[in-house]
Amino acid sequence: MSQGSNFVDYVKICCRSGHGGPGSAHLHRDVFTAKGGPDGGDGGRGGHVIVKGNAQLWTLLHLKFRKHVIAGDGESGGSSQRSGKTGRDEILEVPLGTIARNAETGEILFEINTDGETKIITPGGRGGLGNWHFKTPTQQTPRFAQPGEDGKEDWNILELKLLADVGLVGFPNAGKSTLLSVVSAAKPEIADYAFTTLVPNLGIVSYRDNRSFVMADIPGIIEGASQGKGLGIRFLRHIERNSTLLFMVPADTNRTIKEEYDILLNELNEYNPELMHKPRVLAITKADMLDKELQDEMEKEVPKDVPHVFISSVAQKGITELKDMLWKEITR
C-alpha cells in the first residue's frame, strides 16, 4: 500500500436514521370479550446513526467508500399494548480525536475523545403512540393511533485530528521523520526531498522508569501554508490536538534560527491563534554538522522565550536532553 492510501482523516457521509413505527389502533377481543377497550401498543423507535470511539483505530479509511449510512425503521405496535421493535442502529466506529460537523452549516456537533464514547449523529424518529393512550371518559374506544415520526437525513463530515502529547512542527527536510524513527518504533518514509511525508505519523517514545509519550510527525509546513500553499491547512488541524509543540529548525537553514522559528510560529498563529498558548520547545537539528565554535555562534540567534536544545538524530546527540525537556513540558 502506498504511503498516502492508508491514512484518511476526512470523510463526508450521508446519514439517514430510521422512521418510527406507527402506533396500533387495536380494540381488545378474545373469546370472553366481544367489545373490549383500546389496547393498541406503541410503535418502535427508528434506528439511530451513532458514532463510537475506538482506540484501536487511527484512520477513517474504513469509512472512505461508505457514502450512505441507513438505519432500520421501527416496527408497528401490536395488540395487548405490545410495543413494536426498535429499528436497527447503525454504529460508525472512529479513532479518538474525531470531530463530527454538519456539512451544510459547518456547525460542530460533537467530538470523540475516549474509547467507547458514543454520540448520536442522526437520531431516529420516535414511534407513534397506540390508541390506549387516547382513551378518556368521554371517548372510551378511540379508533385512531399516532403515526411514527419520520427519520432524518443529512450530510455530515467526520474529521480526524490526531491526539498526541508532542507534535513536530517544521519545514520539509527539518529532520522530523528521522527523529521519530530514532526515538520510537515508527518507520516513516525518509528522503532528501520536500514533502517526503505526505501523511501524519505517530510513534510512542520510551522515557525513564517505563514511562512513555506519543509523538506525531506532522507533514511539513511552508511559508503561506495557512493560506493554502504547499500542503496547505490540510494537516495543520492535527497540531491543534497536541499538548506540546516541538519546533524543529535545521542547523543548515538559509535563514537564521529565529527567522525560521518566527515564520513557523506565524503560520500557526494565522491558522489558529489559540495554538500560541501551547507549550513550545525548539530543537536545532543536524547539529552533528557543527563544531563547538559554530554552535556557540548559533546560540546567539536562538529565541530567548523558548527552551531549546541542539540535537542530531543520526549521531544520537542531545536526544536524552530533548526527551527530558519534552517530558517536563508535557507534565507541567
C-alpha atoms as a PDB file:
ATOM      1  CA  MET A   1       0.000   0.000   0.000  1.00  0.00           C
ATOM      2  CA  SER A   2       1.341   3.442  -0.856  1.00  0.00           C
ATOM      3  CA  GLN A   3       2.063   5.897   1.938  1.00  0.00           C
ATOM      4  CA  GLY A   4      -0.997   8.075   1.404  1.00  0.00           C
ATOM      5  CA  SER A   5      -3.547   5.357   0.665  1.00  0.00           C
ATOM      6  CA  ASN A   6      -3.975   4.007   4.193  1.00  0.00           C
ATOM      7  CA  PHE A   7      -4.429   7.291   6.049  1.00  0.00           C
ATOM      8  CA  VAL A   8      -7.756   9.098   5.685  1.00  0.00           C
ATOM      9  CA  ASP A   9      -8.608  11.972   8.035  1.00  0.00           C
ATOM     10  CA  TYR A  10     -11.725  13.412   6.348  1.00  0.00           C
ATOM     11  CA  VAL A  11     -14.920  11.728   5.157  1.00  0.00           C
ATOM     12  CA  LYS A  12     -18.322  13.076   4.142  1.00  0.00           C
ATOM     13  CA  ILE A  13     -21.241  10.737   4.805  1.00  0.00           C
ATOM     14  CA  CYS A  14     -24.992  10.872   4.233  1.00  0.00           C
ATOM     15  CA  CYS A  15     -26.657   9.627   7.421  1.00  0.00           C
ATOM     16  CA  ARG A  16     -30.299   8.539   7.346  1.00  0.00           C
ATOM     17  CA  SER A  17     -31.975   7.455  10.536  1.00  0.00           C
ATOM     18  CA  GLY A  18     -34.936   5.083  10.710  1.00  0.00           C
ATOM     19  CA  HIS A  19     -38.608   6.057  10.694  1.00  0.00           C
ATOM     20  CA  GLY A  20     -40.583   5.471  13.870  1.00  0.00           C
ATOM     21  CA  GLY A  21     -43.174   2.698  13.699  1.00  0.00           C
ATOM     22  CA  PRO A  22     -46.883   3.677  13.816  1.00  0.00           C
ATOM     23  CA  GLY A  23     -48.928   3.003  16.925  1.00  0.00           C
ATOM     24  CA  SER A  24     -51.688   0.406  16.818  1.00  0.00           C
ATOM     25  CA  ALA A  25     -55.397   1.263  16.896  1.00  0.00           C
ATOM     26  CA  HIS A  26     -56.427  -2.227  18.038  1.00  0.00           C
ATOM     27  CA  LEU A  27     -59.532  -2.944  20.170  1.00  0.00           C
ATOM     28  CA  HIS A  28     -59.333  -5.840  22.589  1.00  0.00           C
ATOM     29  CA  ARG A  29     -61.071  -9.026  21.502  1.00  0.00           C
ATOM     30  CA  ASP A  30     -60.916 -12.538  22.938  1.00  0.00           C
ATOM     31  CA  VAL A  31     -63.205 -15.488  23.460  1.00  0.00           C
ATOM     32  CA  PHE A  32     -64.744 -13.876  26.545  1.00  0.00           C
ATOM     33  CA  THR A  33     -64.785 -10.287  25.321  1.00  0.00           C
ATOM     34  CA  ALA A  34     -66.809  -9.207  22.293  1.00  0.00           C
ATOM     35  CA  LYS A  35     -66.269  -5.485  22.563  1.00  0.00           C
ATOM     36  CA  GLY A  36     -63.201  -4.662  24.657  1.00  0.00           C
ATOM     37  CA  GLY A  37     -61.445  -1.345  25.023  1.00  0.00           C
ATOM     38  CA  PRO A  38     -58.419   0.001  23.195  1.00  0.00           C
ATOM     39  CA  ASP A  39     -55.192  -1.961  23.664  1.00  0.00           C
ATOM     40  CA  GLY A  40     -53.051  -0.853  20.724  1.00  0.00           C
ATOM     41  CA  GLY A  41     -49.327  -0.734  21.543  1.00  0.00           C
ATOM     42  CA  ASP A  42     -46.748   1.921  20.650  1.00  0.00           C
ATOM     43  CA  GLY A  43     -44.620   1.851  17.540  1.00  0.00           C
ATOM     44  CA  GLY A  44     -40.898   1.173  17.832  1.00  0.00           C
ATOM     45  CA  ARG A  45     -38.297   3.919  17.645  1.00  0.00           C
ATOM     46  CA  GLY A  46     -36.422   4.324  14.392  1.00  0.00           C
ATOM     47  CA  GLY A  47     -32.763   3.387  14.423  1.00  0.00           C
ATOM     48  CA  HIS A  48     -30.113   5.999  15.292  1.00  0.00           C
ATOM     49  CA  VAL A  49     -26.880   6.631  13.424  1.00  0.00           C
ATOM     50  CA  ILE A  50     -24.284   6.535  16.190  1.00  0.00           C
ATOM     51  CA  VAL A  51     -20.600   7.484  16.259  1.00  0.00           C
ATOM     52  CA  LYS A  52     -18.443   5.443  18.658  1.00  0.00           C
ATOM     53  CA  GLY A  53     -14.809   5.950  19.708  1.00  0.00           C
ATOM     54  CA  ASN A  54     -12.377   3.081  19.131  1.00  0.00           C
ATOM     55  CA  ALA A  55      -8.839   3.423  20.487  1.00  0.00           C
ATOM     56  CA  GLN A  56      -7.624   0.696  18.095  1.00  0.00           C
ATOM     57  CA  LEU A  57      -8.320   2.843  15.033  1.00  0.00           C
ATOM     58  CA  TRP A  58      -6.032   5.630  13.760  1.00  0.00           C
ATOM     59  CA  THR A  59      -7.641   6.478  10.419  1.00  0.00           C
ATOM     60  CA  LEU A  60     -11.078   6.889   8.799  1.00  0.00           C
ATOM     61  CA  LEU A  61     -10.079   4.617   5.908  1.00  0.00           C
ATOM     62  CA  HIS A  62     -12.840   2.084   6.671  1.00  0.00           C
ATOM     63  CA  LEU A  63     -15.453   4.826   6.089  1.00  0.00           C
ATOM     64  CA  LYS A  64     -13.902   6.316   2.944  1.00  0.00           C
ATOM     65  CA  PHE A  65     -16.173   4.470   0.495  1.00  0.00           C
ATOM     66  CA  ARG A  66     -19.242   4.268   2.727  1.00  0.00           C
ATOM     67  CA  LYS A  67     -21.166   7.298   1.473  1.00  0.00           C
ATOM     68  CA  HIS A  68     -24.640   6.346   2.703  1.00  0.00           C
ATOM     69  CA  VAL A  69     -25.456   5.006   6.159  1.00  0.00           C
ATOM     70  CA  ILE A  70     -29.076   3.929   6.617  1.00  0.00           C
ATOM     71  CA  ALA A  71     -30.511   2.834   9.961  1.00  0.00           C
ATOM     72  CA  GLY A  72     -33.511   0.485  10.297  1.00  0.00           C
ATOM     73  CA  ASP A  73     -37.150   1.544  10.678  1.00  0.00           C
ATOM     74  CA  GLY A  74     -39.146   0.876  13.830  1.00  0.00           C
ATOM     75  CA  GLU A  75     -41.943  -1.699  13.657  1.00  0.00           C
ATOM     76  CA  SER A  76     -45.651  -1.095  14.243  1.00  0.00           C
ATOM     77  CA  GLY A  77     -47.242  -1.522  17.655  1.00  0.00           C
ATOM     78  CA  GLY A  78     -49.321  -4.636  18.310  1.00  0.00           C
ATOM     79  CA  SER A  79     -52.354  -5.718  20.295  1.00  0.00           C
ATOM     80  CA  SER A  80     -52.346  -6.132  24.067  1.00  0.00           C
ATOM     81  CA  GLN A  81     -50.251  -2.971  24.348  1.00  0.00           C
ATOM     82  CA  ARG A  82     -47.234  -4.661  22.766  1.00  0.00           C
ATOM     83  CA  SER A  83     -44.667  -2.161  21.535  1.00  0.00           C
ATOM     84  CA  GLY A  84     -43.096  -2.505  18.115  1.00  0.00           C
ATOM     85  CA  LYS A  85     -39.466  -3.495  17.728  1.00  0.00           C
ATOM     86  CA  THR A  86     -36.874  -0.689  17.760  1.00  0.00           C
ATOM     87  CA  GLY A  87     -35.156  -0.084  14.436  1.00  0.00           C
ATOM     88  CA  ARG A  88     -31.577  -1.264  13.891  1.00  0.00           C
ATOM     89  CA  ASP A  89     -28.968   1.308  14.942  1.00  0.00           C
ATOM     90  CA  GLU A  90     -26.006   1.964  12.656  1.00  0.00           C
ATOM     91  CA  ILE A  91     -22.731   2.398  14.559  1.00  0.00           C
ATOM     92  CA  LEU A  92     -19.767   4.156  12.952  1.00  0.00           C
ATOM     93  CA  GLU A  93     -16.528   3.430  14.800  1.00  0.00           C
ATOM     94  CA  VAL A  94     -13.972   6.227  14.597  1.00  0.00           C
ATOM     95  CA  PRO A  95     -10.493   6.965  16.015  1.00  0.00           C
ATOM     96  CA  LEU A  96     -10.144   9.118  19.108  1.00  0.00           C
ATOM     97  CA  GLY A  97      -9.866  12.792  18.217  1.00  0.00           C
ATOM     98  CA  THR A  98     -12.640  12.687  15.595  1.00  0.00           C
ATOM     99  CA  ILE A  99     -14.909  15.712  15.206  1.00  0.00           C
ATOM    100  CA  ALA A 100     -18.391  15.495  13.659  1.00  0.00           C
ATOM    101  CA  ARG A 101     -19.796  18.541  11.914  1.00  0.00           C
ATOM    102  CA  ASN A 102     -22.822  19.343   9.765  1.00  0.00           C
ATOM    103  CA  ALA A 103     -21.723  19.506   6.131  1.00  0.00           C
ATOM    104  CA  GLU A 104     -24.139  22.310   5.200  1.00  0.00           C
ATOM    105  CA  THR A 105     -23.776  24.678   8.154  1.00  0.00           C
ATOM    106  CA  GLY A 106     -20.262  23.735   9.300  1.00  0.00           C
ATOM    107  CA  GLU A 107     -21.566  23.518  12.884  1.00  0.00           C
ATOM    108  CA  ILE A 108     -19.520  21.227  15.150  1.00  0.00           C
ATOM    109  CA  LEU A 109     -21.874  18.615  16.582  1.00  0.00           C
ATOM    110  CA  PHE A 110     -19.514  16.828  18.966  1.00  0.00           C
ATOM    111  CA  GLU A 111     -16.093  15.257  19.300  1.00  0.00           C
ATOM    112  CA  ILE A 112     -14.994  11.785  20.346  1.00  0.00           C
ATOM    113  CA  ASN A 113     -12.056  11.672  22.772  1.00  0.00           C
ATOM    114  CA  THR A 114     -12.399   8.468  24.811  1.00  0.00           C
ATOM    115  CA  ASP A 115     -12.559   4.787  23.955  1.00  0.00           C
ATOM    116  CA  GLY A 116     -16.136   3.504  23.857  1.00  0.00           C
ATOM    117  CA  GLU A 117     -17.670   7.003  23.919  1.00  0.00           C
ATOM    118  CA  THR A 118     -20.874   7.150  21.845  1.00  0.00           C
ATOM    119  CA  LYS A 119     -22.749  10.090  20.348  1.00  0.00           C
ATOM    120  CA  ILE A 120     -25.896  10.125  18.222  1.00  0.00           C
ATOM    121  CA  ILE A 121     -25.170  11.977  14.997  1.00  0.00           C
ATOM    122  CA  THR A 122     -28.616  11.433  13.426  1.00  0.00           C
ATOM    123  CA  PRO A 123     -31.470  10.449  15.815  1.00  0.00           C
ATOM    124  CA  GLY A 124     -34.168   8.030  14.727  1.00  0.00           C
ATOM    125  CA  GLY A 125     -37.832   9.011  14.567  1.00  0.00           C
ATOM    126  CA  ARG A 126     -39.998   8.407  17.628  1.00  0.00           C
ATOM    127  CA  GLY A 127     -42.553   5.627  17.500  1.00  0.00           C
ATOM    128  CA  GLY A 128     -46.242   6.587  17.423  1.00  0.00           C
ATOM    129  CA  LEU A 129     -48.472   6.104  20.474  1.00  0.00           C
ATOM    130  CA  GLY A 130     -51.068   3.341  20.462  1.00  0.00           C
ATOM    131  CA  ASN A 131     -54.761   4.100  20.856  1.00  0.00           C
ATOM    132  CA  TRP A 132     -54.841   3.061  24.520  1.00  0.00           C
ATOM    133  CA  HIS A 133     -53.074   6.370  25.296  1.00  0.00           C
ATOM    134  CA  PHE A 134     -56.028   8.348  23.941  1.00  0.00           C
ATOM    135  CA  LYS A 135     -58.932   6.813  25.842  1.00  0.00           C
ATOM    136  CA  THR A 136     -60.897   9.241  28.004  1.00  0.00           C
ATOM    137  CA  PRO A 137     -64.124   9.042  29.976  1.00  0.00           C
ATOM    138  CA  THR A 138     -65.933  10.620  27.040  1.00  0.00           C
ATOM    139  CA  GLN A 139     -64.065   8.696  24.327  1.00  0.00           C
ATOM    140  CA  GLN A 140     -63.633   5.194  25.633  1.00  0.00           C
ATOM    141  CA  THR A 141     -62.899   3.448  22.335  1.00  0.00           C
ATOM    142  CA  PRO A 142     -60.626   5.673  20.206  1.00  0.00           C
ATOM    143  CA  ARG A 143     -60.148   4.086  16.809  1.00  0.00           C
ATOM    144  CA  PHE A 144     -57.029   6.051  15.936  1.00  0.00           C
ATOM    145  CA  ALA A 145     -53.356   5.947  16.851  1.00  0.00           C
ATOM    146  CA  GLN A 146     -50.369   8.163  16.326  1.00  0.00           C
ATOM    147  CA  PRO A 147     -48.197   7.705  13.236  1.00  0.00           C
ATOM    148  CA  GLY A 148     -44.463   7.272  13.701  1.00  0.00           C
ATOM    149  CA  GLU A 149     -42.105  10.223  13.360  1.00  0.00           C
ATOM    150  CA  ASP A 150     -40.050  10.357  10.170  1.00  0.00           C
ATOM    151  CA  GLY A 151     -36.339   9.721  10.365  1.00  0.00           C
ATOM    152  CA  LYS A 152     -33.829  12.390   9.391  1.00  0.00           C
ATOM    153  CA  GLU A 153     -31.372  12.563   6.525  1.00  0.00           C
ATOM    154  CA  ASP A 154     -28.386  14.874   6.499  1.00  0.00           C
ATOM    155  CA  TRP A 155     -24.821  15.072   5.250  1.00  0.00           C
ATOM    156  CA  ASN A 156     -22.177  15.074   7.940  1.00  0.00           C
ATOM    157  CA  ILE A 157     -18.402  15.385   7.971  1.00  0.00           C
ATOM    158  CA  LEU A 158     -16.158  13.275  10.160  1.00  0.00           C
ATOM    159  CA  GLU A 159     -12.769  14.914  10.611  1.00  0.00           C
ATOM    160  CA  LEU A 160      -9.857  13.361  12.448  1.00  0.00           C
ATOM    161  CA  LYS A 161      -7.442  15.465  14.490  1.00  0.00           C
ATOM    162  CA  LEU A 162      -4.629  13.323  15.837  1.00  0.00           C
ATOM    163  CA  LEU A 163      -4.281  13.161  19.604  1.00  0.00           C
ATOM    164  CA  ALA A 164      -0.639  13.226  20.679  1.00  0.00           C
ATOM    165  CA  ASP A 165       1.482  14.540  23.528  1.00  0.00           C
ATOM    166  CA  VAL A 166       4.084  16.106  21.222  1.00  0.00           C
ATOM    167  CA  GLY A 167       3.581  17.450  17.699  1.00  0.00           C
ATOM    168  CA  LEU A 168       6.580  18.037  15.425  1.00  0.00           C
ATOM    169  CA  VAL A 169       6.427  21.373  13.603  1.00  0.00           C
ATOM    170  CA  GLY A 170       8.936  22.308  10.925  1.00  0.00           C
ATOM    171  CA  PHE A 171       9.642  22.924   7.284  1.00  0.00           C
ATOM    172  CA  PRO A 172      10.157  19.967   4.944  1.00  0.00           C
ATOM    173  CA  ASN A 173      13.556  18.264   5.470  1.00  0.00           C
ATOM    174  CA  ALA A 174      13.885  19.643   9.003  1.00  0.00           C
ATOM    175  CA  GLY A 175      14.531  16.108  10.285  1.00  0.00           C
ATOM    176  CA  LYS A 176      11.108  15.368  11.806  1.00  0.00           C
ATOM    177  CA  SER A 177      10.700  11.885  10.330  1.00  0.00           C
ATOM    178  CA  THR A 178      14.309  10.982  11.176  1.00  0.00           C
ATOM    179  CA  LEU A 179      13.794  11.997  14.814  1.00  0.00           C
ATOM    180  CA  LEU A 180      10.574   9.987  15.056  1.00  0.00           C
ATOM    181  CA  SER A 181      12.272   6.906  13.594  1.00  0.00           C
ATOM    182  CA  VAL A 182      15.125   7.217  16.131  1.00  0.00           C
ATOM    183  CA  VAL A 183      13.099   7.783  19.324  1.00  0.00           C
ATOM    184  CA  SER A 184      10.235   5.378  18.532  1.00  0.00           C
ATOM    185  CA  ALA A 185       9.474   2.212  16.597  1.00  0.00           C
ATOM    186  CA  ALA A 186       7.698   4.179  13.858  1.00  0.00           C
ATOM    187  CA  LYS A 187       9.081   3.731  10.346  1.00  0.00           C
ATOM    188  CA  PRO A 188       8.154   6.863   8.367  1.00  0.00           C
ATOM    189  CA  GLU A 189       9.466   7.300   4.838  1.00  0.00           C
ATOM    190  CA  ILE A 190      12.665   9.354   4.866  1.00  0.00           C
ATOM    191  CA  ALA A 191      14.240  11.051   1.820  1.00  0.00           C
ATOM    192  CA  ASP A 192      16.057  14.261   0.949  1.00  0.00           C
ATOM    193  CA  TYR A 193      13.266  15.937  -0.996  1.00  0.00           C
ATOM    194  CA  ALA A 194      10.470  18.233   0.136  1.00  0.00           C
ATOM    195  CA  PHE A 195       7.161  16.714   1.252  1.00  0.00           C
ATOM    196  CA  THR A 196       8.507  13.199   1.674  1.00  0.00           C
ATOM    197  CA  THR A 197       5.975  12.838   4.474  1.00  0.00           C
ATOM    198  CA  LEU A 198       2.509  13.056   2.950  1.00  0.00           C
ATOM    199  CA  VAL A 199       0.526  11.828   5.963  1.00  0.00           C
ATOM    200  CA  PRO A 200       0.969  12.259   9.733  1.00  0.00           C
ATOM    201  CA  ASN A 201       2.868   9.503  11.531  1.00  0.00           C
ATOM    202  CA  LEU A 202       2.543   8.520  15.177  1.00  0.00           C
ATOM    203  CA  GLY A 203       5.161   6.938  17.403  1.00  0.00           C
ATOM    204  CA  ILE A 204       5.379   6.001  21.091  1.00  0.00           C
ATOM    205  CA  VAL A 205       8.544   7.387  22.684  1.00  0.00           C
ATOM    206  CA  SER A 206      10.029   5.462  25.629  1.00  0.00           C
ATOM    207  CA  TYR A 207      11.153   7.531  28.606  1.00  0.00           C
ATOM    208  CA  ARG A 208      12.661   6.857  32.012  1.00  0.00           C
ATOM    209  CA  ASP A 209      11.050   4.495  34.558  1.00  0.00           C
ATOM    210  CA  ASN A 210       8.884   2.748  31.934  1.00  0.00           C
ATOM    211  CA  ARG A 211       7.067   5.969  31.099  1.00  0.00           C
ATOM    212  CA  SER A 212       6.238   6.975  27.545  1.00  0.00           C
ATOM    213  CA  PHE A 213       4.537   9.629  25.451  1.00  0.00           C
ATOM    214  CA  VAL A 214       3.073   9.870  21.957  1.00  0.00           C
ATOM    215  CA  MET A 215       4.817  11.900  19.263  1.00  0.00           C
ATOM    216  CA  ALA A 216       3.182  12.967  15.973  1.00  0.00           C
ATOM    217  CA  ASP A 217       5.150  13.829  12.829  1.00  0.00           C
ATOM    218  CA  ILE A 218       3.024  16.429  11.007  1.00  0.00           C
ATOM    219  CA  PRO A 219       3.741  16.878   7.252  1.00  0.00           C
ATOM    220  CA  GLY A 220       5.994  19.852   6.521  1.00  0.00           C
ATOM    221  CA  ILE A 221       4.679  23.389   6.698  1.00  0.00           C
ATOM    222  CA  ILE A 222       5.900  26.063   4.311  1.00  0.00           C
ATOM    223  CA  GLU A 223       5.547  29.817   4.410  1.00  0.00           C
ATOM    224  CA  GLY A 224       1.978  30.614   3.363  1.00  0.00           C
ATOM    225  CA  ALA A 225       0.559  27.226   4.432  1.00  0.00           C
ATOM    226  CA  SER A 226      -2.260  28.951   6.340  1.00  0.00           C
ATOM    227  CA  GLN A 227      -3.350  30.490   3.003  1.00  0.00           C
ATOM    228  CA  GLY A 228      -3.299  27.101   1.254  1.00  0.00           C
ATOM    229  CA  LYS A 229       0.230  26.911  -0.163  1.00  0.00           C
ATOM    230  CA  GLY A 230       2.064  23.597  -0.310  1.00  0.00           C
ATOM    231  CA  LEU A 231       0.041  21.002   1.536  1.00  0.00           C
ATOM    232  CA  GLY A 232      -1.897  23.984   2.911  1.00  0.00           C
ATOM    233  CA  ILE A 233      -4.037  23.698   6.017  1.00  0.00           C
ATOM    234  CA  ARG A 234      -4.869  20.050   5.350  1.00  0.00           C
ATOM    235  CA  PHE A 235      -2.644  18.861   8.194  1.00  0.00           C
ATOM    236  CA  LEU A 236      -2.428  21.993  10.342  1.00  0.00           C
ATOM    237  CA  ARG A 237      -5.563  20.843  12.162  1.00  0.00           C
ATOM    238  CA  HIS A 238      -3.650  17.869  13.581  1.00  0.00           C
ATOM    239  CA  ILE A 239      -1.418  20.272  15.505  1.00  0.00           C
ATOM    240  CA  GLU A 240      -4.456  21.525  17.465  1.00  0.00           C
ATOM    241  CA  ARG A 241      -4.720  18.295  19.473  1.00  0.00           C
ATOM    242  CA  ASN A 242      -1.078  18.057  20.557  1.00  0.00           C
ATOM    243  CA  SER A 243      -0.388  19.172  24.118  1.00  0.00           C
ATOM    244  CA  THR A 244       3.202  20.315  23.396  1.00  0.00           C
ATOM    245  CA  LEU A 245       4.727  21.575  20.136  1.00  0.00           C
ATOM    246  CA  LEU A 246       8.314  20.729  19.191  1.00  0.00           C
ATOM    247  CA  PHE A 247       9.600  23.227  16.635  1.00  0.00           C
ATOM    248  CA  MET A 248      12.433  21.833  14.533  1.00  0.00           C
ATOM    249  CA  VAL A 249      14.865  24.068  12.645  1.00  0.00           C
ATOM    250  CA  PRO A 250      17.853  22.554  10.785  1.00  0.00           C
ATOM    251  CA  ALA A 251      21.305  23.926  11.516  1.00  0.00           C
ATOM    252  CA  ASP A 252      21.935  24.317   7.761  1.00  0.00           C
ATOM    253  CA  THR A 253      18.967  26.636   7.199  1.00  0.00           C
ATOM    254  CA  ASN A 254      19.427  29.549   4.783  1.00  0.00           C
ATOM    255  CA  ARG A 255      17.795  31.851   7.339  1.00  0.00           C
ATOM    256  CA  THR A 256      18.689  32.495  10.945  1.00  0.00           C
ATOM    257  CA  ILE A 257      17.252  30.179  13.590  1.00  0.00           C
ATOM    258  CA  LYS A 258      14.971  32.955  14.877  1.00  0.00           C
ATOM    259  CA  GLU A 259      13.698  33.871  11.386  1.00  0.00           C
ATOM    260  CA  GLU A 260      12.696  30.303  10.599  1.00  0.00           C
ATOM    261  CA  TYR A 261      11.136  29.808  14.035  1.00  0.00           C
ATOM    262  CA  ASP A 262       9.143  33.069  13.670  1.00  0.00           C
ATOM    263  CA  ILE A 263       7.817  32.002  10.238  1.00  0.00           C
ATOM    264  CA  LEU A 264       6.588  28.687  11.648  1.00  0.00           C
ATOM    265  CA  LEU A 265       5.053  30.450  14.632  1.00  0.00           C
ATOM    266  CA  ASN A 266       3.301  32.954  12.365  1.00  0.00           C
ATOM    267  CA  GLU A 267       1.762  30.189  10.216  1.00  0.00           C
ATOM    268  CA  LEU A 268       0.274  28.565  13.320  1.00  0.00           C
ATOM    269  CA  ASN A 269      -0.984  31.933  14.569  1.00  0.00           C
ATOM    270  CA  GLU A 270      -2.622  32.683  11.201  1.00  0.00           C
ATOM    271  CA  TYR A 271      -4.349  29.300  11.247  1.00  0.00           C
ATOM    272  CA  ASN A 272      -5.484  29.344  14.887  1.00  0.00           C
ATOM    273  CA  PRO A 273      -4.322  31.963  17.443  1.00  0.00           C
ATOM    274  CA  GLU A 274      -5.133  29.555  20.290  1.00  0.00           C
ATOM    275  CA  LEU A 275      -2.100  27.479  19.298  1.00  0.00           C
ATOM    276  CA  MET A 276       0.076  30.263  20.704  1.00  0.00           C
ATOM    277  CA  HIS A 277      -0.880  29.170  24.235  1.00  0.00           C
ATOM    278  CA  LYS A 278       0.557  25.663  23.863  1.00  0.00           C
ATOM    279  CA  PRO A 279       3.918  24.827  25.489  1.00  0.00           C
ATOM    280  CA  ARG A 280       6.774  25.004  22.955  1.00  0.00           C
ATOM    281  CA  VAL A 281      10.263  23.514  22.686  1.00  0.00           C
ATOM    282  CA  LEU A 282      12.800  24.335  19.974  1.00  0.00           C
ATOM    283  CA  ALA A 283      15.211  21.723  18.596  1.00  0.00           C
ATOM    284  CA  ILE A 284      18.034  22.753  16.267  1.00  0.00           C
ATOM    285  CA  THR A 285      18.586  19.615  14.193  1.00  0.00           C
ATOM    286  CA  LYS A 286      21.571  18.261  12.253  1.00  0.00           C
ATOM    287  CA  ALA A 287      23.873  19.557  14.998  1.00  0.00           C
ATOM    288  CA  ASP A 288      26.489  16.936  14.075  1.00  0.00           C
ATOM    289  CA  MET A 289      27.489  19.373  11.284  1.00  0.00           C
ATOM    290  CA  LEU A 290      28.506  21.998  13.869  1.00  0.00           C
ATOM    291  CA  ASP A 291      31.726  22.364  15.790  1.00  0.00           C
ATOM    292  CA  LYS A 292      31.785  23.956  19.243  1.00  0.00           C
ATOM    293  CA  GLU A 293      32.630  27.422  17.948  1.00  0.00           C
ATOM    294  CA  LEU A 294      29.866  27.441  15.325  1.00  0.00           C
ATOM    295  CA  GLN A 295      27.314  26.130  17.823  1.00  0.00           C
ATOM    296  CA  ASP A 296      28.219  28.909  20.263  1.00  0.00           C
ATOM    297  CA  GLU A 297      27.660  31.448  17.475  1.00  0.00           C
ATOM    298  CA  MET A 298      24.248  29.975  16.637  1.00  0.00           C
ATOM    299  CA  GLU A 299      23.257  30.088  20.317  1.00  0.00           C
ATOM    300  CA  LYS A 300      23.096  33.869  19.958  1.00  0.00           C
ATOM    301  CA  GLU A 301      20.418  33.535  17.225  1.00  0.00           C
ATOM    302  CA  VAL A 302      18.116  31.310  19.267  1.00  0.00           C
ATOM    303  CA  PRO A 303      14.901  32.938  20.617  1.00  0.00           C
ATOM    304  CA  LYS A 304      15.144  33.509  24.350  1.00  0.00           C
ATOM    305  CA  ASP A 305      11.469  32.846  25.149  1.00  0.00           C
ATOM    306  CA  VAL A 306      11.517  29.121  24.334  1.00  0.00           C
ATOM    307  CA  PRO A 307      13.620  26.260  25.795  1.00  0.00           C
ATOM    308  CA  HIS A 308      15.964  24.855  23.142  1.00  0.00           C
ATOM    309  CA  VAL A 309      18.433  22.062  22.519  1.00  0.00           C
ATOM    310  CA  PHE A 310      20.866  21.151  19.734  1.00  0.00           C
ATOM    311  CA  ILE A 311      20.276  17.602  18.504  1.00  0.00           C
ATOM    312  CA  SER A 312      21.434  15.142  15.890  1.00  0.00           C
ATOM    313  CA  SER A 313      19.150  12.165  15.310  1.00  0.00           C
ATOM    314  CA  VAL A 314      21.788  10.352  13.275  1.00  0.00           C
ATOM    315  CA  ALA A 315      24.589  10.846  15.840  1.00  0.00           C
ATOM    316  CA  GLN A 316      22.194  10.442  18.813  1.00  0.00           C
ATOM    317  CA  LYS A 317      23.328  13.827  20.107  1.00  0.00           C
ATOM    318  CA  GLY A 318      21.078  15.693  22.542  1.00  0.00           C
ATOM    319  CA  ILE A 319      18.249  13.126  22.295  1.00  0.00           C
ATOM    320  CA  THR A 320      18.171  12.424  26.049  1.00  0.00           C
ATOM    321  CA  GLU A 321      18.143  16.152  26.847  1.00  0.00           C
ATOM    322  CA  LEU A 322      15.319  16.633  24.347  1.00  0.00           C
ATOM    323  CA  LYS A 323      13.219  13.883  25.959  1.00  0.00           C
ATOM    324  CA  ASP A 324      13.768  15.453  29.391  1.00  0.00           C
ATOM    325  CA  MET A 325      12.681  18.842  28.063  1.00  0.00           C
ATOM    326  CA  LEU A 326       9.565  17.436  26.391  1.00  0.00           C
ATOM    327  CA  TRP A 327       8.559  15.408  29.450  1.00  0.00           C
ATOM    328  CA  LYS A 328       8.878  18.493  31.626  1.00  0.00           C
ATOM    329  CA  GLU A 329       6.569  20.467  29.305  1.00  0.00           C
ATOM    330  CA  ILE A 330       4.058  17.600  28.929  1.00  0.00           C
ATOM    331  CA  THR A 331       3.707  17.131  32.674  1.00  0.00           C
ATOM    332  CA  ARG A 332       3.865  20.784  33.632  1.00  0.00           C
END
